[in-house]
């Protein structure tokens, strides 16, 4: 088991005072069979008139806030201590044919009704023809679901370039397929489109990946980043195989899970609306995932 202190700061600066800021954030990691969260907290500055922690539809920790005092800066700082183990999967579930991982076809399987919505199109993950076709070599008839999902992960890792300039937060699956490039959000969306195009259930996962500094270098506080991957339903179970096409590996004890949903739009770290005459604003995000002893 690995332990981390996760720190995430989102800071906005506005050219003119903002009268109202209304928002929602997903910044507190989930408690899961393989992940335990302690000492989690989030502070908002200026202090909101309303700060309401809740649990969203997908079971994620979600907090609504409303800052009513005029302000030209807004910061949201989250800090959590998290213990993570590498998830364990049932070998028999991994060995089932991928065709069974289609809950809309095999609705009689245990857990199919819960997985069904993750086989449908979502706002940011449509059934893109190019993605459906791209998945075909991985989804050969009768292939075990664990093997098929892993092969797709490996192919995206090989065929797509990690390029921060290739896409933006609003880029589509079609954009990433055409450019064969993007960032972790794009790779997760592409993989979801590939799988859902064939009826498989898969969900978008947001969180953090603990990194290590290059040999001979010290850790730089705040130099980490949010991360995204996906998880594929193992038919007839409540297990989801978490795969990371950005790094070509199954999620292990270096992955801190914050939230999951149909796509990025369900689980973005911070989103909201401001009321202001300012035409310009700046955003700075800092993340630190520091290993803890023991």
C-alpha atoms as a PDB file:
ATOM      1  CA  UNK A   1       0.000   0.000   0.000  1.00  0.00           C
ATOM      2  CA  UNK A   2       1.219   3.501  -0.870  1.00  0.00           C
ATOM      3  CA  UNK A   3       0.327   6.704   0.944  1.00  0.00           C
ATOM      4  CA  UNK A   4       0.189  10.215  -0.512  1.00  0.00           C
ATOM      5  CA  UNK A   5      -0.670  13.759   0.424  1.00  0.00           C
ATOM      6  CA  UNK A   6      -2.518  15.253  -2.538  1.00  0.00           C
ATOM      7  CA  UNK A   7      -2.630  19.041  -2.842  1.00  0.00           C
ATOM      8  CA  UNK A   8      -4.518  20.803  -5.652  1.00  0.00           C
ATOM      9  CA  UNK A   9      -4.796  24.571  -6.066  1.00  0.00           C
ATOM     10  CA  UNK A  10      -6.941  26.311  -8.679  1.00  0.00           C
ATOM     11  CA  UNK A  11      -6.485  30.078  -8.838  1.00  0.00           C
ATOM     12  CA  UNK A  12      -8.359  32.590 -10.990  1.00  0.00           C
ATOM     13  CA  UNK A  13      -7.404  36.242 -11.475  1.00  0.00           C
ATOM     14  CA  UNK A  14      -9.859  38.641 -13.110  1.00  0.00           C
ATOM     15  CA  UNK A  15      -9.212  41.942 -14.898  1.00  0.00           C
ATOM     16  CA  UNK A  16     -12.208  43.532 -13.151  1.00  0.00           C
ATOM     17  CA  UNK A  17     -14.119  42.640  -9.985  1.00  0.00           C
ATOM     18  CA  UNK A  18     -16.452  39.667 -10.149  1.00  0.00           C
ATOM     19  CA  UNK A  19     -19.818  40.178  -8.478  1.00  0.00           C
ATOM     20  CA  UNK A  20     -20.759  36.514  -8.104  1.00  0.00           C
ATOM     21  CA  UNK A  21     -18.971  33.181  -8.577  1.00  0.00           C
ATOM     22  CA  UNK A  22     -21.097  30.057  -8.665  1.00  0.00           C
ATOM     23  CA  UNK A  23     -19.383  26.726  -9.081  1.00  0.00           C
ATOM     24  CA  UNK A  24     -19.024  23.032  -8.427  1.00  0.00           C
ATOM     25  CA  UNK A  25     -15.847  21.107  -7.711  1.00  0.00           C
ATOM     26  CA  UNK A  26     -14.790  17.444  -7.642  1.00  0.00           C
ATOM     27  CA  UNK A  27     -11.563  17.546  -5.634  1.00  0.00           C
ATOM     28  CA  UNK A  28     -11.971  15.078  -2.760  1.00  0.00           C
ATOM     29  CA  UNK A  29     -10.871  11.492  -3.612  1.00  0.00           C
ATOM     30  CA  UNK A  30     -13.307   8.595  -3.259  1.00  0.00           C
ATOM     31  CA  UNK A  31     -13.197   5.970  -0.547  1.00  0.00           C
ATOM     32  CA  UNK A  32     -12.933   2.640  -2.372  1.00  0.00           C
ATOM     33  CA  UNK A  33     -12.070  -0.979  -1.575  1.00  0.00           C
ATOM     34  CA  UNK A  34      -8.496  -0.233  -2.647  1.00  0.00           C
ATOM     35  CA  UNK A  35      -8.333   3.413  -1.528  1.00  0.00           C
ATOM     36  CA  UNK A  36      -8.817   5.077   1.856  1.00  0.00           C
ATOM     37  CA  UNK A  37      -9.072   8.843   2.291  1.00  0.00           C
ATOM     38  CA  UNK A  38      -8.319  10.755   5.487  1.00  0.00           C
ATOM     39  CA  UNK A  39      -7.938  14.404   6.505  1.00  0.00           C
ATOM     40  CA  UNK A  40      -9.611  15.651   3.330  1.00  0.00           C
ATOM     41  CA  UNK A  41     -10.531  19.325   3.126  1.00  0.00           C
ATOM     42  CA  UNK A  42     -11.121  22.145   0.664  1.00  0.00           C
ATOM     43  CA  UNK A  43     -10.855  25.891   1.268  1.00  0.00           C
ATOM     44  CA  UNK A  44     -12.254  28.627  -0.954  1.00  0.00           C
ATOM     45  CA  UNK A  45     -10.995  32.216  -0.827  1.00  0.00           C
ATOM     46  CA  UNK A  46     -12.888  34.566  -0.637  1.00  0.00           C
ATOM     47  CA  UNK A  47     -15.069  32.685   1.825  1.00  0.00           C
ATOM     48  CA  UNK A  48     -18.280  31.644   0.045  1.00  0.00           C
ATOM     49  CA  UNK A  49     -21.689  32.708   1.229  1.00  0.00           C
ATOM     50  CA  UNK A  50     -22.751  29.147   0.510  1.00  0.00           C
ATOM     51  CA  UNK A  51     -20.554  26.031   0.590  1.00  0.00           C
ATOM     52  CA  UNK A  52     -22.484  22.765   0.340  1.00  0.00           C
ATOM     53  CA  UNK A  53     -20.715  19.384   0.264  1.00  0.00           C
ATOM     54  CA  UNK A  54     -22.751  16.641  -1.376  1.00  0.00           C
ATOM     55  CA  UNK A  55     -22.518  13.323  -3.204  1.00  0.00           C
ATOM     56  CA  UNK A  56     -23.356  13.412  -6.901  1.00  0.00           C
ATOM     57  CA  UNK A  57     -25.290  10.913  -9.007  1.00  0.00           C
ATOM     58  CA  UNK A  58     -22.183   8.772  -9.586  1.00  0.00           C
ATOM     59  CA  UNK A  59     -21.252   8.636  -5.906  1.00  0.00           C
ATOM     60  CA  UNK A  60     -18.460  11.220  -6.170  1.00  0.00           C
ATOM     61  CA  UNK A  61     -17.803  13.867  -3.545  1.00  0.00           C
ATOM     62  CA  UNK A  62     -19.067  17.103  -5.116  1.00  0.00           C
ATOM     63  CA  UNK A  63     -19.248  20.540  -3.491  1.00  0.00           C
ATOM     64  CA  UNK A  64     -21.299  23.534  -4.615  1.00  0.00           C
ATOM     65  CA  UNK A  65     -20.067  27.024  -3.748  1.00  0.00           C
ATOM     66  CA  UNK A  66     -21.339  30.571  -4.204  1.00  0.00           C
ATOM     67  CA  UNK A  67     -19.066  33.564  -3.562  1.00  0.00           C
ATOM     68  CA  UNK A  68     -21.234  36.654  -3.189  1.00  0.00           C
ATOM     69  CA  UNK A  69     -18.659  39.302  -2.218  1.00  0.00           C
ATOM     70  CA  UNK A  70     -16.978  41.236  -5.077  1.00  0.00           C
ATOM     71  CA  UNK A  71     -13.523  39.799  -5.808  1.00  0.00           C
ATOM     72  CA  UNK A  72     -10.782  39.965  -8.412  1.00  0.00           C
ATOM     73  CA  UNK A  73      -9.160  36.701  -7.340  1.00  0.00           C
ATOM     74  CA  UNK A  74     -10.559  33.295  -6.465  1.00  0.00           C
ATOM     75  CA  UNK A  75      -8.625  30.315  -5.153  1.00  0.00           C
ATOM     76  CA  UNK A  76      -9.752  26.780  -4.346  1.00  0.00           C
ATOM     77  CA  UNK A  77      -7.280  24.602  -2.451  1.00  0.00           C
ATOM     78  CA  UNK A  78      -7.869  20.914  -1.731  1.00  0.00           C
ATOM     79  CA  UNK A  79      -5.698  18.655   0.400  1.00  0.00           C
ATOM     80  CA  UNK A  80      -6.154  14.962   1.189  1.00  0.00           C
ATOM     81  CA  UNK A  81      -4.171  12.104   2.674  1.00  0.00           C
ATOM     82  CA  UNK A  82      -4.808   8.943   0.678  1.00  0.00           C
ATOM     83  CA  UNK A  83      -3.714   5.310   1.044  1.00  0.00           C
ATOM     84  CA  UNK A  84      -3.855   3.294  -2.189  1.00  0.00           C
ATOM     85  CA  UNK A  85      -3.393  -0.389  -3.013  1.00  0.00           C
ATOM     86  CA  UNK A  86      -3.180  -1.943  -6.464  1.00  0.00           C
ATOM     87  CA  UNK A  87      -6.711  -3.109  -7.411  1.00  0.00           C
ATOM     88  CA  UNK A  88      -7.221  -6.875  -7.601  1.00  0.00           C
ATOM     89  CA  UNK A  89      -9.431  -8.451 -10.272  1.00  0.00           C
ATOM     90  CA  UNK A  90     -11.173 -11.807 -10.522  1.00  0.00           C
ATOM     91  CA  UNK A  91      -9.209 -13.839 -13.116  1.00  0.00           C
ATOM     92  CA  UNK A  92     -12.401 -15.548 -14.264  1.00  0.00           C
ATOM     93  CA  UNK A  93     -14.023 -12.170 -14.908  1.00  0.00           C
ATOM     94  CA  UNK A  94     -11.006 -10.993 -16.919  1.00  0.00           C
ATOM     95  CA  UNK A  95     -11.203 -14.186 -19.000  1.00  0.00           C
ATOM     96  CA  UNK A  96     -14.831 -13.732 -20.092  1.00  0.00           C
ATOM     97  CA  UNK A  97     -15.442 -12.921 -23.790  1.00  0.00           C
ATOM     98  CA  UNK A  98     -15.631  -9.205 -24.434  1.00  0.00           C
ATOM     99  CA  UNK A  99     -19.014  -9.657 -26.078  1.00  0.00           C
ATOM    100  CA  UNK A 100     -20.530 -10.252 -22.630  1.00  0.00           C
ATOM    101  CA  UNK A 101     -19.413  -6.778 -21.486  1.00  0.00           C
ATOM    102  CA  UNK A 102     -22.312  -5.244 -23.427  1.00  0.00           C
ATOM    103  CA  UNK A 103     -24.982  -4.613 -20.777  1.00  0.00           C
ATOM    104  CA  UNK A 104     -27.586  -3.480 -23.292  1.00  0.00           C
ATOM    105  CA  UNK A 105     -27.305  -6.858 -25.026  1.00  0.00           C
ATOM    106  CA  UNK A 106     -26.837  -9.039 -21.957  1.00  0.00           C
ATOM    107  CA  UNK A 107     -29.165  -7.290 -19.560  1.00  0.00           C
ATOM    108  CA  UNK A 108     -29.749 -10.468 -17.579  1.00  0.00           C
ATOM    109  CA  UNK A 109     -26.187 -10.499 -16.217  1.00  0.00           C
ATOM    110  CA  UNK A 110     -25.694  -9.345 -12.620  1.00  0.00           C
ATOM    111  CA  UNK A 111     -24.779  -5.651 -12.519  1.00  0.00           C
ATOM    112  CA  UNK A 112     -25.788  -5.035 -16.136  1.00  0.00           C
ATOM    113  CA  UNK A 113     -28.432  -2.466 -15.221  1.00  0.00           C
ATOM    114  CA  UNK A 114     -25.874  -0.414 -13.279  1.00  0.00           C
ATOM    115  CA  UNK A 115     -23.353  -0.549 -16.098  1.00  0.00           C
ATOM    116  CA  UNK A 116     -25.824   0.182 -18.919  1.00  0.00           C
ATOM    117  CA  UNK A 117     -25.529   3.982 -18.968  1.00  0.00           C
ATOM    118  CA  UNK A 118     -21.762   3.704 -19.456  1.00  0.00           C
ATOM    119  CA  UNK A 119     -22.352   1.923 -22.763  1.00  0.00           C
ATOM    120  CA  UNK A 120     -24.337   4.855 -24.140  1.00  0.00           C
ATOM    121  CA  UNK A 121     -23.128   7.958 -25.934  1.00  0.00           C
ATOM    122  CA  UNK A 122     -22.419  10.975 -23.754  1.00  0.00           C
ATOM    123  CA  UNK A 123     -21.917  14.667 -24.447  1.00  0.00           C
ATOM    124  CA  UNK A 124     -18.158  14.343 -25.024  1.00  0.00           C
ATOM    125  CA  UNK A 125     -17.996  10.711 -26.135  1.00  0.00           C
ATOM    126  CA  UNK A 126     -20.173  10.033 -29.153  1.00  0.00           C
ATOM    127  CA  UNK A 127     -20.212   6.914 -31.308  1.00  0.00           C
ATOM    128  CA  UNK A 128     -17.550   8.178 -33.713  1.00  0.00           C
ATOM    129  CA  UNK A 129     -17.205   5.920 -36.766  1.00  0.00           C
ATOM    130  CA  UNK A 130     -13.416   6.279 -36.855  1.00  0.00           C
ATOM    131  CA  UNK A 131     -13.134   5.172 -33.228  1.00  0.00           C
ATOM    132  CA  UNK A 132     -15.511   2.244 -33.707  1.00  0.00           C
ATOM    133  CA  UNK A 133     -13.421   1.062 -36.652  1.00  0.00           C
ATOM    134  CA  UNK A 134     -10.148   1.603 -34.768  1.00  0.00           C
ATOM    135  CA  UNK A 135     -11.288  -0.785 -32.018  1.00  0.00           C
ATOM    136  CA  UNK A 136     -11.999  -3.718 -34.355  1.00  0.00           C
ATOM    137  CA  UNK A 137      -8.480  -5.279 -34.322  1.00  0.00           C
ATOM    138  CA  UNK A 138      -8.612  -5.435 -30.517  1.00  0.00           C
ATOM    139  CA  UNK A 139     -12.102  -6.893 -30.329  1.00  0.00           C
ATOM    140  CA  UNK A 140     -11.660 -10.175 -32.144  1.00  0.00           C
ATOM    141  CA  UNK A 141     -14.443 -12.737 -31.657  1.00  0.00           C
ATOM    142  CA  UNK A 142     -14.415 -14.386 -28.236  1.00  0.00           C
ATOM    143  CA  UNK A 143     -11.305 -12.565 -27.004  1.00  0.00           C
ATOM    144  CA  UNK A 144     -11.129 -12.250 -23.190  1.00  0.00           C
ATOM    145  CA  UNK A 145     -12.267  -8.825 -22.002  1.00  0.00           C
ATOM    146  CA  UNK A 146      -9.058  -8.214 -20.011  1.00  0.00           C
ATOM    147  CA  UNK A 147      -6.896  -9.030 -23.016  1.00  0.00           C
ATOM    148  CA  UNK A 148      -9.029  -7.021 -25.461  1.00  0.00           C
ATOM    149  CA  UNK A 149      -9.090  -3.898 -23.271  1.00  0.00           C
ATOM    150  CA  UNK A 150      -5.344  -4.136 -22.668  1.00  0.00           C
ATOM    151  CA  UNK A 151      -4.624  -4.496 -26.381  1.00  0.00           C
ATOM    152  CA  UNK A 152      -6.687  -1.386 -27.151  1.00  0.00           C
ATOM    153  CA  UNK A 153      -4.833   0.508 -24.418  1.00  0.00           C
ATOM    154  CA  UNK A 154      -1.473  -0.515 -25.866  1.00  0.00           C
ATOM    155  CA  UNK A 155      -2.444   0.433 -29.418  1.00  0.00           C
ATOM    156  CA  UNK A 156      -3.597   3.924 -28.401  1.00  0.00           C
ATOM    157  CA  UNK A 157      -0.331   4.377 -26.504  1.00  0.00           C
ATOM    158  CA  UNK A 158       1.656   3.419 -29.622  1.00  0.00           C
ATOM    159  CA  UNK A 159      -0.426   5.200 -32.248  1.00  0.00           C
ATOM    160  CA  UNK A 160      -1.206   8.510 -30.524  1.00  0.00           C
ATOM    161  CA  UNK A 161       1.321  11.193 -29.588  1.00  0.00           C
ATOM    162  CA  UNK A 162       1.145  12.985 -26.255  1.00  0.00           C
ATOM    163  CA  UNK A 163       1.011  16.619 -27.374  1.00  0.00           C
ATOM    164  CA  UNK A 164      -0.393  19.421 -25.207  1.00  0.00           C
ATOM    165  CA  UNK A 165      -0.710  21.684 -28.240  1.00  0.00           C
ATOM    166  CA  UNK A 166      -2.742  19.258 -30.368  1.00  0.00           C
ATOM    167  CA  UNK A 167      -6.057  19.697 -28.544  1.00  0.00           C
ATOM    168  CA  UNK A 168      -7.915  21.885 -26.066  1.00  0.00           C
ATOM    169  CA  UNK A 169     -10.335  21.089 -23.266  1.00  0.00           C
ATOM    170  CA  UNK A 170     -13.196  21.369 -25.789  1.00  0.00           C
ATOM    171  CA  UNK A 171     -11.652  19.113 -28.469  1.00  0.00           C
ATOM    172  CA  UNK A 172     -13.749  16.148 -29.593  1.00  0.00           C
ATOM    173  CA  UNK A 173     -13.018  12.469 -30.074  1.00  0.00           C
ATOM    174  CA  UNK A 174     -13.102  13.084 -33.821  1.00  0.00           C
ATOM    175  CA  UNK A 175     -10.394  15.763 -33.411  1.00  0.00           C
ATOM    176  CA  UNK A 176      -8.128  13.393 -31.480  1.00  0.00           C
ATOM    177  CA  UNK A 177      -8.728  10.551 -33.931  1.00  0.00           C
ATOM    178  CA  UNK A 178      -7.869  12.792 -36.872  1.00  0.00           C
ATOM    179  CA  UNK A 179      -4.719  14.247 -35.305  1.00  0.00           C
ATOM    180  CA  UNK A 180      -3.655  11.010 -33.568  1.00  0.00           C
ATOM    181  CA  UNK A 181      -2.508  13.232 -30.707  1.00  0.00           C
ATOM    182  CA  UNK A 182      -3.725  14.824 -27.492  1.00  0.00           C
ATOM    183  CA  UNK A 183      -3.462  14.550 -23.724  1.00  0.00           C
ATOM    184  CA  UNK A 184      -4.757  12.089 -21.132  1.00  0.00           C
ATOM    185  CA  UNK A 185      -8.306  13.435 -21.348  1.00  0.00           C
ATOM    186  CA  UNK A 186      -8.324  12.853 -25.112  1.00  0.00           C
ATOM    187  CA  UNK A 187      -6.855   9.364 -24.852  1.00  0.00           C
ATOM    188  CA  UNK A 188      -9.466   8.366 -22.279  1.00  0.00           C
ATOM    189  CA  UNK A 189     -12.271   9.768 -24.440  1.00  0.00           C
ATOM    190  CA  UNK A 190     -10.924   7.978 -27.527  1.00  0.00           C
ATOM    191  CA  UNK A 191     -10.775   4.649 -25.684  1.00  0.00           C
ATOM    192  CA  UNK A 192     -14.297   5.164 -24.341  1.00  0.00           C
ATOM    193  CA  UNK A 193     -15.600   5.876 -27.848  1.00  0.00           C
ATOM    194  CA  UNK A 194     -13.821   2.781 -29.181  1.00  0.00           C
ATOM    195  CA  UNK A 195     -15.423   0.531 -26.578  1.00  0.00           C
ATOM    196  CA  UNK A 196     -18.883   2.101 -26.426  1.00  0.00           C
ATOM    197  CA  UNK A 197     -19.099   2.007 -30.208  1.00  0.00           C
ATOM    198  CA  UNK A 198     -19.221  -1.779 -29.828  1.00  0.00           C
ATOM    199  CA  UNK A 199     -21.632  -1.711 -26.901  1.00  0.00           C
ATOM    200  CA  UNK A 200     -19.141  -2.191 -24.066  1.00  0.00           C
ATOM    201  CA  UNK A 201     -19.599  -0.318 -20.791  1.00  0.00           C
ATOM    202  CA  UNK A 202     -16.688   1.908 -19.785  1.00  0.00           C
ATOM    203  CA  UNK A 203     -16.421   4.969 -17.569  1.00  0.00           C
ATOM    204  CA  UNK A 204     -14.141   8.023 -17.432  1.00  0.00           C
ATOM    205  CA  UNK A 205     -11.977   8.293 -14.311  1.00  0.00           C
ATOM    206  CA  UNK A 206     -10.298  11.457 -13.034  1.00  0.00           C
ATOM    207  CA  UNK A 207      -7.638  11.724 -10.382  1.00  0.00           C
ATOM    208  CA  UNK A 208      -3.880  11.880  -9.980  1.00  0.00           C
ATOM    209  CA  UNK A 209      -0.839   9.795 -10.881  1.00  0.00           C
ATOM    210  CA  UNK A 210       2.049   9.921  -8.444  1.00  0.00           C
ATOM    211  CA  UNK A 211       5.218  10.707 -10.384  1.00  0.00           C
ATOM    212  CA  UNK A 212       8.882  10.506  -9.538  1.00  0.00           C
ATOM    213  CA  UNK A 213      11.514  13.157 -10.347  1.00  0.00           C
ATOM    214  CA  UNK A 214      14.229  12.311 -12.893  1.00  0.00           C
ATOM    215  CA  UNK A 215      17.305  10.572 -11.461  1.00  0.00           C
ATOM    216  CA  UNK A 216      19.431  13.001  -9.499  1.00  0.00           C
ATOM    217  CA  UNK A 217      16.663  15.612  -9.286  1.00  0.00           C
ATOM    218  CA  UNK A 218      14.626  16.649  -6.258  1.00  0.00           C
ATOM    219  CA  UNK A 219      10.848  16.788  -6.176  1.00  0.00           C
ATOM    220  CA  UNK A 220       9.455  20.165  -7.188  1.00  0.00           C
ATOM    221  CA  UNK A 221       6.389  21.080  -5.155  1.00  0.00           C
ATOM    222  CA  UNK A 222       3.347  21.768  -7.324  1.00  0.00           C
ATOM    223  CA  UNK A 223       4.838  20.283 -10.494  1.00  0.00           C
ATOM    224  CA  UNK A 224       2.360  17.392 -10.793  1.00  0.00           C
ATOM    225  CA  UNK A 225      -0.954  17.452 -12.680  1.00  0.00           C
ATOM    226  CA  UNK A 226      -4.431  15.989 -12.736  1.00  0.00           C
ATOM    227  CA  UNK A 227      -4.738  12.775 -14.705  1.00  0.00           C
ATOM    228  CA  UNK A 228      -7.457  10.836 -16.511  1.00  0.00           C
ATOM    229  CA  UNK A 229      -7.918   7.197 -17.457  1.00  0.00           C
ATOM    230  CA  UNK A 230     -10.852   4.815 -17.914  1.00  0.00           C
ATOM    231  CA  UNK A 231     -12.332   1.646 -16.457  1.00  0.00           C
ATOM    232  CA  UNK A 232     -14.040  -1.165 -18.372  1.00  0.00           C
ATOM    233  CA  UNK A 233     -16.884  -3.203 -16.903  1.00  0.00           C
ATOM    234  CA  UNK A 234     -16.081  -6.861 -16.227  1.00  0.00           C
ATOM    235  CA  UNK A 235     -19.359  -8.596 -17.114  1.00  0.00           C
ATOM    236  CA  UNK A 236     -21.456 -10.115 -14.375  1.00  0.00           C
ATOM    237  CA  UNK A 237     -19.423  -8.441 -11.605  1.00  0.00           C
ATOM    238  CA  UNK A 238     -19.146  -5.113  -9.831  1.00  0.00           C
ATOM    239  CA  UNK A 239     -15.502  -4.827 -10.931  1.00  0.00           C
ATOM    240  CA  UNK A 240     -14.152  -2.378 -13.485  1.00  0.00           C
ATOM    241  CA  UNK A 241     -10.715  -2.859 -15.052  1.00  0.00           C
ATOM    242  CA  UNK A 242      -8.879   0.486 -14.826  1.00  0.00           C
ATOM    243  CA  UNK A 243      -6.558   1.073 -17.799  1.00  0.00           C
ATOM    244  CA  UNK A 244      -4.398   4.057 -18.701  1.00  0.00           C
ATOM    245  CA  UNK A 245      -3.690   4.479 -22.439  1.00  0.00           C
ATOM    246  CA  UNK A 246      -1.535   7.547 -21.751  1.00  0.00           C
ATOM    247  CA  UNK A 247       1.009   5.440 -19.855  1.00  0.00           C
ATOM    248  CA  UNK A 248       0.272   1.955 -21.240  1.00  0.00           C
ATOM    249  CA  UNK A 249      -0.525   0.297 -17.910  1.00  0.00           C
ATOM    250  CA  UNK A 250      -3.302  -0.838 -15.633  1.00  0.00           C
ATOM    251  CA  UNK A 251      -3.945   1.558 -12.766  1.00  0.00           C
ATOM    252  CA  UNK A 252      -1.921   0.547  -9.725  1.00  0.00           C
ATOM    253  CA  UNK A 253      -1.042   1.947  -6.295  1.00  0.00           C
ATOM    254  CA  UNK A 254       0.270   5.166  -7.896  1.00  0.00           C
ATOM    255  CA  UNK A 255      -3.213   6.165  -9.077  1.00  0.00           C
ATOM    256  CA  UNK A 256      -5.436   8.268  -6.799  1.00  0.00           C
ATOM    257  CA  UNK A 257      -9.074   8.104  -7.892  1.00  0.00           C
ATOM    258  CA  UNK A 258     -11.102  11.276  -7.356  1.00  0.00           C
ATOM    259  CA  UNK A 259     -14.254  10.771  -9.423  1.00  0.00           C
ATOM    260  CA  UNK A 260     -15.810   8.876 -12.299  1.00  0.00           C
ATOM    261  CA  UNK A 261     -18.597   9.535 -14.769  1.00  0.00           C
ATOM    262  CA  UNK A 262     -19.544   9.259 -18.423  1.00  0.00           C
ATOM    263  CA  UNK A 263     -16.843  11.706 -19.561  1.00  0.00           C
ATOM    264  CA  UNK A 264     -14.795  14.720 -18.451  1.00  0.00           C
ATOM    265  CA  UNK A 265     -17.871  16.931 -18.267  1.00  0.00           C
ATOM    266  CA  UNK A 266     -19.256  14.897 -15.356  1.00  0.00           C
ATOM    267  CA  UNK A 267     -16.127  15.129 -13.206  1.00  0.00           C
ATOM    268  CA  UNK A 268     -14.145  18.257 -14.124  1.00  0.00           C
ATOM    269  CA  UNK A 269     -12.179  19.450 -11.062  1.00  0.00           C
ATOM    270  CA  UNK A 270     -13.794  22.910 -11.050  1.00  0.00           C
ATOM    271  CA  UNK A 271     -16.553  24.399 -13.188  1.00  0.00           C
ATOM    272  CA  UNK A 272     -18.922  27.308 -12.796  1.00  0.00           C
ATOM    273  CA  UNK A 273     -20.199  30.706 -13.859  1.00  0.00           C
ATOM    274  CA  UNK A 274     -19.053  34.215 -12.981  1.00  0.00           C
ATOM    275  CA  UNK A 275     -20.899  37.526 -13.235  1.00  0.00           C
ATOM    276  CA  UNK A 276     -18.521  40.320 -14.240  1.00  0.00           C
ATOM    277  CA  UNK A 277     -17.682  42.956 -16.845  1.00  0.00           C
ATOM    278  CA  UNK A 278     -14.127  41.641 -17.071  1.00  0.00           C
ATOM    279  CA  UNK A 279     -13.209  40.370 -20.517  1.00  0.00           C
ATOM    280  CA  UNK A 280      -9.991  38.731 -19.428  1.00  0.00           C
ATOM    281  CA  UNK A 281      -9.064  36.279 -16.728  1.00  0.00           C
ATOM    282  CA  UNK A 282      -6.159  33.989 -15.978  1.00  0.00           C
ATOM    283  CA  UNK A 283      -6.184  30.485 -14.573  1.00  0.00           C
ATOM    284  CA  UNK A 284      -3.334  28.760 -12.769  1.00  0.00           C
ATOM    285  CA  UNK A 285      -3.490  25.181 -11.530  1.00  0.00           C
ATOM    286  CA  UNK A 286      -0.892  23.563  -9.271  1.00  0.00           C
ATOM    287  CA  UNK A 287      -0.918  19.937  -8.156  1.00  0.00           C
ATOM    288  CA  UNK A 288       1.361  18.056  -5.811  1.00  0.00           C
ATOM    289  CA  UNK A 289       1.213  14.326  -5.055  1.00  0.00           C
ATOM    290  CA  UNK A 290       3.766  13.724  -2.314  1.00  0.00           C
ATOM    291  CA  UNK A 291       4.584  10.250  -0.965  1.00  0.00           C
ATOM    292  CA  UNK A 292       4.081   9.796   2.775  1.00  0.00           C
ATOM    293  CA  UNK A 293       6.012   7.381   4.988  1.00  0.00           C
ATOM    294  CA  UNK A 294       4.484   4.133   6.106  1.00  0.00           C
END
